[in-house]
Protein backbone atom coordinates (compact mmCIF):
# COMPACT_ATOMS: atom_id res chain seq x y z
CA UNK A 1 0.00 0.00 0.00
CA UNK A 2 2.52 2.56 -1.15
CA UNK A 3 -0.22 5.08 -1.97
CA UNK A 4 -3.56 5.97 -0.42
CA UNK A 5 -5.13 6.82 -3.82
CA UNK A 6 -8.07 4.53 -4.53
CA UNK A 7 -7.65 2.52 -7.77
CA UNK A 8 -10.39 3.01 -10.37
CA UNK A 9 -11.74 -0.53 -10.06
CA UNK A 10 -12.04 -0.19 -6.29
CA UNK A 11 -13.69 3.22 -6.58
CA UNK A 12 -16.17 1.84 -9.10
CA UNK A 13 -17.14 -0.98 -6.73
CA UNK A 14 -17.41 1.39 -3.77
CA UNK A 15 -19.60 3.81 -5.73
CA UNK A 16 -21.92 0.95 -6.64
CA UNK A 17 -22.21 -0.08 -3.00
CA UNK A 18 -22.80 3.54 -1.95
CA UNK A 19 -26.06 3.44 -3.90
CA UNK A 20 -27.12 0.42 -1.87
CA UNK A 21 -26.23 2.25 1.35
CA UNK A 22 -28.24 5.27 0.22
CA UNK A 23 -31.31 3.02 0.01
CA UNK A 24 -30.74 1.95 3.63
CA UNK A 25 -29.83 -1.61 2.68
CA UNK A 26 -26.91 -1.80 5.11
CA UNK A 27 -26.77 -5.60 5.42
CA UNK A 28 -26.73 -6.06 1.64
CA UNK A 29 -23.98 -3.44 1.38
CA UNK A 30 -21.99 -5.25 4.05
CA UNK A 31 -22.11 -8.50 2.12
CA UNK A 32 -21.10 -6.70 -1.06
CA UNK A 33 -18.05 -5.16 0.63
CA UNK A 34 -16.94 -8.55 1.90
CA UNK A 35 -17.57 -10.20 -1.47
CA UNK A 36 -15.47 -7.61 -3.33
CA UNK A 37 -12.73 -7.95 -0.70
CA UNK A 38 -12.53 -11.73 -1.07
CA UNK A 39 -12.57 -11.42 -4.87
CA UNK A 40 -9.52 -9.13 -4.86
CA UNK A 41 -7.82 -11.31 -2.28
CA UNK A 42 -8.32 -14.46 -4.37
CA UNK A 43 -6.65 -12.62 -7.25
CA UNK A 44 -3.72 -11.61 -4.98
CA UNK A 45 -4.68 -7.95 -5.42
CA UNK A 46 -3.88 -7.21 -1.79
CA UNK A 47 -3.79 -3.41 -1.94
CA UNK A 48 -7.19 -3.33 -3.59
CA UNK A 49 -8.55 -5.84 -1.07
CA UNK A 50 -7.38 -3.75 1.89
CA UNK A 51 -8.78 -0.53 0.43
CA UNK A 52 -12.22 -2.08 -0.07
CA UNK A 53 -12.37 -2.95 3.63
CA UNK A 54 -11.02 0.44 4.66
CA UNK A 55 -13.51 2.34 2.50
CA UNK A 56 -16.35 0.07 3.48
CA UNK A 57 -15.71 0.37 7.22
CA UNK A 58 -15.55 4.17 6.99
CA UNK A 59 -18.77 4.37 4.97
CA UNK A 60 -20.65 2.14 7.39
CA UNK A 61 -19.42 4.26 10.29
CA UNK A 62 -20.52 7.45 8.57
CA UNK A 63 -23.97 5.88 8.21
CA UNK A 64 -23.95 5.09 11.97
CA UNK A 65 -23.76 1.35 11.25
CA UNK A 66 -21.14 0.78 13.93
CA UNK A 67 -21.41 -3.01 14.13
CA UNK A 68 -20.97 -3.34 10.38
CA UNK A 69 -18.09 -0.86 10.34
CA UNK A 70 -16.30 -2.61 13.18
CA UNK A 71 -16.75 -5.99 11.45
CA UNK A 72 -15.05 -4.71 8.30
CA UNK A 73 -12.36 -2.95 10.33
CA UNK A 74 -11.56 -6.09 12.29
CA UNK A 75 -11.40 -8.06 9.04
CA UNK A 76 -8.89 -5.49 7.75
CA UNK A 77 -6.67 -5.78 10.83
CA UNK A 78 -6.93 -9.57 10.69
CA UNK A 79 -5.70 -9.39 7.09
CA UNK A 80 -2.82 -7.10 8.07
CA UNK A 81 -1.80 -9.55 10.77
CA UNK A 82 -2.13 -12.64 8.58
CA UNK A 83 -0.27 -11.06 5.66
CA UNK A 84 2.52 -9.54 7.75
CA UNK A 85 1.64 -5.95 6.84
CA UNK A 86 3.64 -3.49 8.95
CA UNK A 87 3.22 0.13 9.96
CA UNK A 88 6.16 1.00 7.68
CA UNK A 89 4.01 0.47 4.61
CA UNK A 90 2.64 3.74 3.32
CA UNK A 91 -0.97 4.57 4.00
CA UNK A 92 -1.63 1.75 6.45
CA UNK A 93 -1.50 3.71 9.70
CA UNK A 94 -3.10 6.79 8.10
CA UNK A 95 -5.98 4.61 6.94
CA UNK A 96 -6.63 3.34 10.47
CA UNK A 97 -6.45 6.86 11.88
CA UNK A 98 -8.95 8.04 9.27
CA UNK A 99 -11.21 5.16 10.24
CA UNK A 100 -11.18 6.33 13.87
CA UNK A 101 -12.06 9.84 12.67
CA UNK A 102 -15.10 8.39 10.89
CA UNK A 103 -16.58 6.94 14.09
CA UNK A 104 -20.13 8.30 14.53
CA UNK A 105 -20.75 11.09 16.99
CA UNK A 106 -23.77 11.64 19.23
CA UNK A 107 -26.14 14.60 18.73
CA UNK A 108 -24.63 18.01 19.52
CA UNK A 109 -24.25 18.90 23.18
CA UNK A 110 -22.51 15.76 24.39
CA UNK A 111 -18.98 16.58 23.37
CA UNK A 112 -16.11 18.51 24.89
CA UNK A 113 -17.57 21.89 23.91
CA UNK A 114 -20.42 21.28 26.30
CA UNK A 115 -18.43 19.56 29.02
CA UNK A 116 -18.30 22.52 31.37
CA UNK A 117 -22.04 22.96 31.61
CA UNK A 118 -23.71 19.66 30.62
CA UNK A 119 -23.34 17.50 33.71
CA UNK A 120 -26.70 18.35 35.17
CA UNK A 121 -29.31 18.34 32.45
CA UNK A 122 -32.99 19.08 32.89
CA UNK A 123 -35.43 16.51 34.21
CA UNK A 124 -37.58 16.90 31.10
CA UNK A 125 -34.84 15.48 28.89
CA UNK A 126 -33.55 12.77 31.22
CA UNK A 127 -35.90 10.10 29.92
CA UNK A 128 -34.94 10.40 26.26
CA UNK A 129 -31.29 10.81 27.20
CA UNK A 130 -31.28 7.43 28.93
CA UNK A 131 -31.91 5.60 25.66
CA UNK A 132 -29.23 7.63 23.91
CA UNK A 133 -26.75 6.86 26.68
CA UNK A 134 -27.34 3.13 26.20
CA UNK A 135 -26.77 3.49 22.46
CA UNK A 136 -23.66 5.58 23.06
CA UNK A 137 -22.28 2.97 25.44
CA UNK A 138 -22.78 0.22 22.86
CA UNK A 139 -21.10 2.33 20.17
CA UNK A 140 -18.11 3.06 22.39
CA UNK A 141 -17.72 -0.61 23.29
CA UNK A 142 -17.81 -1.62 19.63
CA UNK A 143 -15.38 1.08 18.54
CA UNK A 144 -13.08 0.15 21.41
CA UNK A 145 -12.89 -3.43 20.11
CA UNK A 146 -11.58 -2.13 16.82
CA UNK A 147 -9.10 0.29 18.35
CA UNK A 148 -7.68 -2.31 20.73
CA UNK A 149 -7.25 -4.76 17.85
CA UNK A 150 -5.41 -2.07 15.88
CA UNK A 151 -3.19 -1.29 18.88
CA UNK A 152 -2.38 -4.98 19.31
CA UNK A 153 -1.41 -5.21 15.64
CA UNK A 154 0.71 -2.04 15.90
CA UNK A 155 2.53 -3.29 19.00
CA UNK A 156 3.52 -6.44 17.12
CA UNK A 157 5.54 -4.23 14.75
CA UNK A 158 8.61 -3.90 17.01
CA UNK A 159 9.83 -0.44 18.05
CA UNK A 160 8.21 1.53 15.23
CA UNK A 161 4.89 -0.03 16.21
CA UNK A 162 5.10 1.68 19.61
CA UNK A 163 4.75 5.11 18.03
CA UNK A 164 1.94 3.80 15.82
CA UNK A 165 0.10 2.42 18.85
CA UNK A 166 0.61 5.77 20.57
CA UNK A 167 -0.94 7.57 17.59
CA UNK A 168 -3.94 5.22 17.66
CA UNK A 169 -4.47 5.87 21.38
CA UNK A 170 -4.24 9.63 20.78
CA UNK A 171 -6.77 9.51 17.95
CA UNK A 172 -9.29 7.50 19.94
CA UNK A 173 -8.84 9.59 23.08
CA UNK A 174 -9.45 12.72 21.02
CA UNK A 175 -12.57 11.18 19.47
CA UNK A 176 -14.00 10.15 22.85
CA UNK A 177 -13.33 13.55 24.40
CA UNK A 178 -14.64 15.61 21.50
CA UNK A 179 -17.66 13.39 20.91
CA UNK A 180 -18.75 12.64 24.47
CA UNK A 181 -16.95 15.07 26.79
CA UNK A 182 -17.05 14.24 30.49
CA UNK A 183 -19.49 11.35 29.95
CA UNK A 184 -16.73 9.14 28.57
CA UNK A 185 -13.76 10.88 30.16
CA UNK A 186 -12.84 7.81 32.23
CA UNK A 187 -12.73 5.75 29.07
CA UNK A 188 -10.80 8.42 27.20
CA UNK A 189 -8.26 8.61 30.04
CA UNK A 190 -7.24 4.99 29.46
CA UNK A 191 -6.12 6.08 25.98
CA UNK A 192 -4.81 9.53 26.89
CA UNK A 193 -2.35 7.98 29.36
CA UNK A 194 -0.97 5.65 26.67
CA UNK A 195 -0.75 8.36 24.02
CA UNK A 196 1.31 11.53 23.80
CA UNK A 197 -1.19 14.37 23.34
CA UNK A 198 -0.44 16.04 26.65
CA UNK A 199 -1.99 19.36 25.62
CA UNK A 200 -5.42 17.92 24.86
CA UNK A 201 -5.26 15.67 27.94
CA UNK A 202 -4.55 18.72 30.10
CA UNK A 203 -7.43 20.61 28.50
CA UNK A 204 -9.78 17.72 29.21
CA UNK A 205 -8.57 17.48 32.81
CA UNK A 206 -9.04 21.21 33.31
CA UNK A 207 -12.56 21.12 31.90
CA UNK A 208 -13.66 18.10 33.93
CA UNK A 209 -12.05 19.24 37.18
CA UNK A 210 -13.95 22.54 36.88
CA UNK A 211 -17.15 20.51 37.39
CA UNK A 212 -15.93 19.16 40.73
CA UNK A 213 -15.98 20.87 44.16
CA UNK A 214 -12.95 23.12 44.63
CA UNK A 215 -11.29 20.92 47.30
CA UNK A 216 -11.30 17.95 44.89
CA UNK A 217 -10.03 19.60 41.73
CA UNK A 218 -6.37 18.74 42.29
CA UNK A 219 -7.29 15.04 42.43
CA UNK A 220 -7.97 14.96 38.68
CA UNK A 221 -4.51 15.84 37.43
CA UNK A 222 -2.87 13.81 40.21
CA UNK A 223 -4.74 10.65 39.24
CA UNK A 224 -4.00 11.31 35.58
CA UNK A 225 -0.25 11.81 36.01
CA UNK A 226 0.06 8.77 38.26
CA UNK A 227 -1.85 6.68 35.72
CA UNK A 228 0.47 7.85 32.94
CA UNK A 229 3.48 6.73 34.97
CA UNK A 230 1.91 3.45 36.07
CA UNK A 231 0.72 2.42 32.60
CA UNK A 232 4.23 2.36 31.13
CA UNK A 233 5.74 -0.76 29.69
CA UNK A 234 9.31 -1.73 30.45
CA UNK A 235 10.37 -0.41 27.05
CA UNK A 236 8.49 2.90 27.32
CA UNK A 237 9.43 4.18 30.78
CA UNK A 238 11.23 7.30 29.61
CA UNK A 239 8.43 8.21 27.20
CA UNK A 240 5.82 7.88 29.93
CA UNK A 241 7.86 9.99 32.35
CA UNK A 242 8.12 12.68 29.69
CA UNK A 243 4.39 12.42 28.95
CA UNK A 244 3.57 12.69 32.66
CA UNK A 245 5.71 15.80 33.04
CA UNK A 246 4.18 17.37 29.92
CA UNK A 247 0.65 16.73 31.19
CA UNK A 248 1.50 18.24 34.58
CA UNK A 249 3.16 21.32 33.06
CA UNK A 250 0.37 21.88 30.53
CA UNK A 251 -2.25 21.62 33.28
CA UNK A 252 -0.28 24.03 35.47
CA UNK A 253 -0.32 26.62 32.69
CA UNK A 254 -4.07 26.24 32.30
CA UNK A 255 -4.68 26.39 36.06
CA UNK A 256 -1.90 28.62 37.43
CA UNK A 257 -3.92 29.49 40.56
CA UNK A 258 -4.43 25.85 41.56
CA UNK A 259 -1.63 25.42 44.10
CA UNK A 260 -2.04 22.65 46.67
CA UNK A 261 0.14 20.27 48.69
CA UNK A 262 -0.95 17.39 46.49
CA UNK A 263 0.32 19.17 43.38
CA UNK A 264 3.60 19.96 45.17
CA UNK A 265 3.97 16.25 45.87
CA UNK A 266 3.33 15.47 42.21
CA UNK A 267 5.96 17.94 41.02
CA UNK A 268 8.56 16.58 43.47
CA UNK A 269 7.68 13.00 42.53
CA UNK A 270 8.38 13.68 38.86
CA UNK A 271 11.75 15.19 39.79
CA UNK A 272 12.63 12.21 41.95
CA UNK A 273 11.71 9.75 39.21
CA UNK A 274 13.93 11.57 36.74
CA UNK A 275 16.81 10.96 39.18
CA UNK A 276 15.62 7.36 39.69
CA UNK A 277 15.72 7.78 43.45
CA UNK A 278 13.61 5.36 45.47
CA UNK A 279 14.71 6.90 48.82
CA UNK A 280 13.40 10.29 47.71
CA UNK A 281 10.09 8.81 46.60
CA UNK A 282 9.72 7.06 49.96
CA UNK A 283 10.54 10.32 51.73
CA UNK A 284 7.88 12.14 49.73
CA UNK A 285 5.29 9.47 50.49
CA UNK A 286 6.04 9.79 54.18
CA UNK A 287 5.95 13.59 54.25
CA UNK A 288 2.82 13.83 52.15
CA UNK A 289 0.94 10.87 53.65
CA UNK A 290 -1.99 13.02 54.89
CA UNK A 291 -2.80 14.34 51.40
CA UNK A 292 -2.14 11.02 49.67
CA UNK A 293 -4.76 9.43 51.94
CA UNK A 294 -7.40 11.53 50.20
CA UNK A 295 -7.65 8.96 47.39
CA UNK A 296 -7.46 5.22 48.08
CA UNK A 297 -6.14 4.48 44.57
CA UNK A 298 -2.92 6.44 45.07
CA UNK A 299 -1.29 3.66 47.09
CA UNK A 300 -1.59 1.02 44.37
CA UNK A 301 -0.57 3.50 41.66
CA UNK A 302 2.55 4.58 43.53
CA UNK A 303 3.44 0.96 44.24
CA UNK A 304 3.34 0.19 40.53
CA UNK A 305 5.33 3.33 39.70
CA UNK A 306 8.07 2.33 42.15
CA UNK A 307 8.09 -1.16 40.67
CA UNK A 308 8.38 0.02 37.06
CA UNK A 309 10.53 3.13 37.25
CA UNK A 310 12.71 2.35 40.27
CA UNK A 311 12.89 -1.45 40.08
CA UNK A 312 11.42 -1.77 43.58
CA UNK A 313 9.17 -4.57 44.93
CA UNK A 314 10.77 -7.03 42.52
CA UNK A 315 9.87 -10.15 44.52
CA UNK A 316 6.99 -12.09 43.00
CA UNK A 317 5.35 -13.33 46.19
CA UNK A 318 3.74 -11.95 49.31
CA UNK A 319 2.25 -8.46 49.45
CA UNK A 320 4.34 -7.35 46.47
CA UNK A 321 2.88 -10.03 44.22
CA UNK A 322 -0.63 -9.35 45.45
CA UNK A 323 -0.44 -5.58 44.84
CA UNK A 324 1.20 -6.12 41.49
CA UNK A 325 -1.63 -8.41 40.44
CA UNK A 326 -4.21 -5.97 41.78
CA UNK A 327 -2.82 -3.13 39.74
CA UNK A 328 -2.35 -5.11 36.54
CA UNK A 329 -5.96 -4.56 35.54
CA UNK A 330 -5.95 -0.87 36.58
CA UNK A 331 -3.26 0.57 34.36
CA UNK A 332 -1.51 -2.32 32.69
CA UNK A 333 2.11 -3.30 32.85
CA UNK A 334 4.60 -4.22 30.22
CA UNK A 335 7.11 -6.78 29.21
CA UNK A 336 10.58 -6.94 27.81
CA UNK A 337 13.93 -5.85 29.13
CA UNK A 338 14.57 -2.76 31.21
CA UNK A 339 16.45 -0.92 28.49
CA UNK A 340 15.57 2.76 28.94
CA UNK A 341 18.54 3.99 31.02
CA UNK A 342 21.66 4.87 29.06
CA UNK A 343 25.14 4.37 30.48
CA UNK A 344 25.86 8.10 30.61
CA UNK A 345 22.72 8.63 32.72
CA UNK A 346 23.84 5.85 35.06
CA UNK A 347 27.13 7.65 35.60
CA UNK A 348 25.49 10.96 36.41
CA UNK A 349 22.72 9.58 38.58
CA UNK A 350 24.39 9.62 42.00
CA UNK A 351 25.41 13.27 42.02
CA UNK A 352 22.03 14.41 40.71
CA UNK A 353 20.25 12.32 43.32
CA UNK A 354 22.10 14.06 46.14
CA UNK A 355 21.28 17.49 44.68
CA UNK A 356 17.57 16.84 44.28
CA UNK A 357 17.48 15.24 47.73
CA UNK A 358 18.71 18.45 49.32
CA UNK A 359 16.30 20.49 47.20
CA UNK A 360 13.26 18.44 48.12
CA UNK A 361 14.06 18.18 51.82
CA UNK A 362 14.71 21.94 51.96
CA UNK A 363 11.39 22.69 50.27
CA UNK A 364 9.51 20.26 52.48
CA UNK A 365 10.84 21.72 55.70
CA UNK A 366 11.04 25.40 54.73
CA UNK A 367 7.59 25.84 53.20
CA UNK A 368 5.62 23.44 55.45
CA UNK A 369 3.69 22.18 52.47
CA UNK A 370 1.81 19.46 54.29
CA UNK A 371 -1.78 20.40 54.97
């Protein structure tokens, strides 16, 4: 697939099926897409076969036929996997990203533009909204199946696949946030933390936290940054630390007046992780214990962060094994060798650790940041 231009024979077939879709015969159109795909595949016309599925999935999505669109999309990813198609081949990743962009959106008012004022809703509209919410939930679940299959395929493409998977997470997170706003923010977060769009993530956090009581607003960015750090794989630790820092900094620019002990802890934690200092992290946890107790999930998240980024809690049994298993379903782990730290960073680590240790201890004692 060196080019994304649609060959004439494929375009002719797609145009013919479009007429069937226009008549509302979605099932018949679905069978026609699959028939044309298998015909090209039998003739070893692989590029044409892939494009038929890609075009068909996007058209079904644009007609709000999510189940049909997902079926064709999954067939496309299955073909990529079976045929050994990689993200290096031109147009492949772009086609999947365009497919995510074609996912149907709910009626206006449910997306990010209405996030800051749509949580309540009037009682007169609550009945009809319930049915729409059920439909939205089904659509999100179906679309998620397709995205996760695409991510799995991308991750099988060695190191270059990591950036492709990241792009897929970003695209789906953006879709969920723009289409559904706060209603699907929890779902979007699972993709934001594995992507790299820190600016949009920070905007979403700012918008959603504005809906919460003032004393709870700092919990949003804290949970988000900890989830970014805890969802890293062994081969993506540095990228996730950078993403976490970018999210924190972007949020700080959007909310410069939000200044709390919990956010001080978060800033110091990111510094300590950059120096790979477990003693400093333990010191911070001790000093900031009262504010960390505000959210019961922080303990498991921090445990996983220490395990991944600082190589702590490495024993497989006892409490360590139990907490590791508990967290596995919360933010996901990773496999592979611990290969993120370069030799030059190893050599400079000790001196930097002492410097940041003095800085953090001085700040902790001088400013009395614990509430």
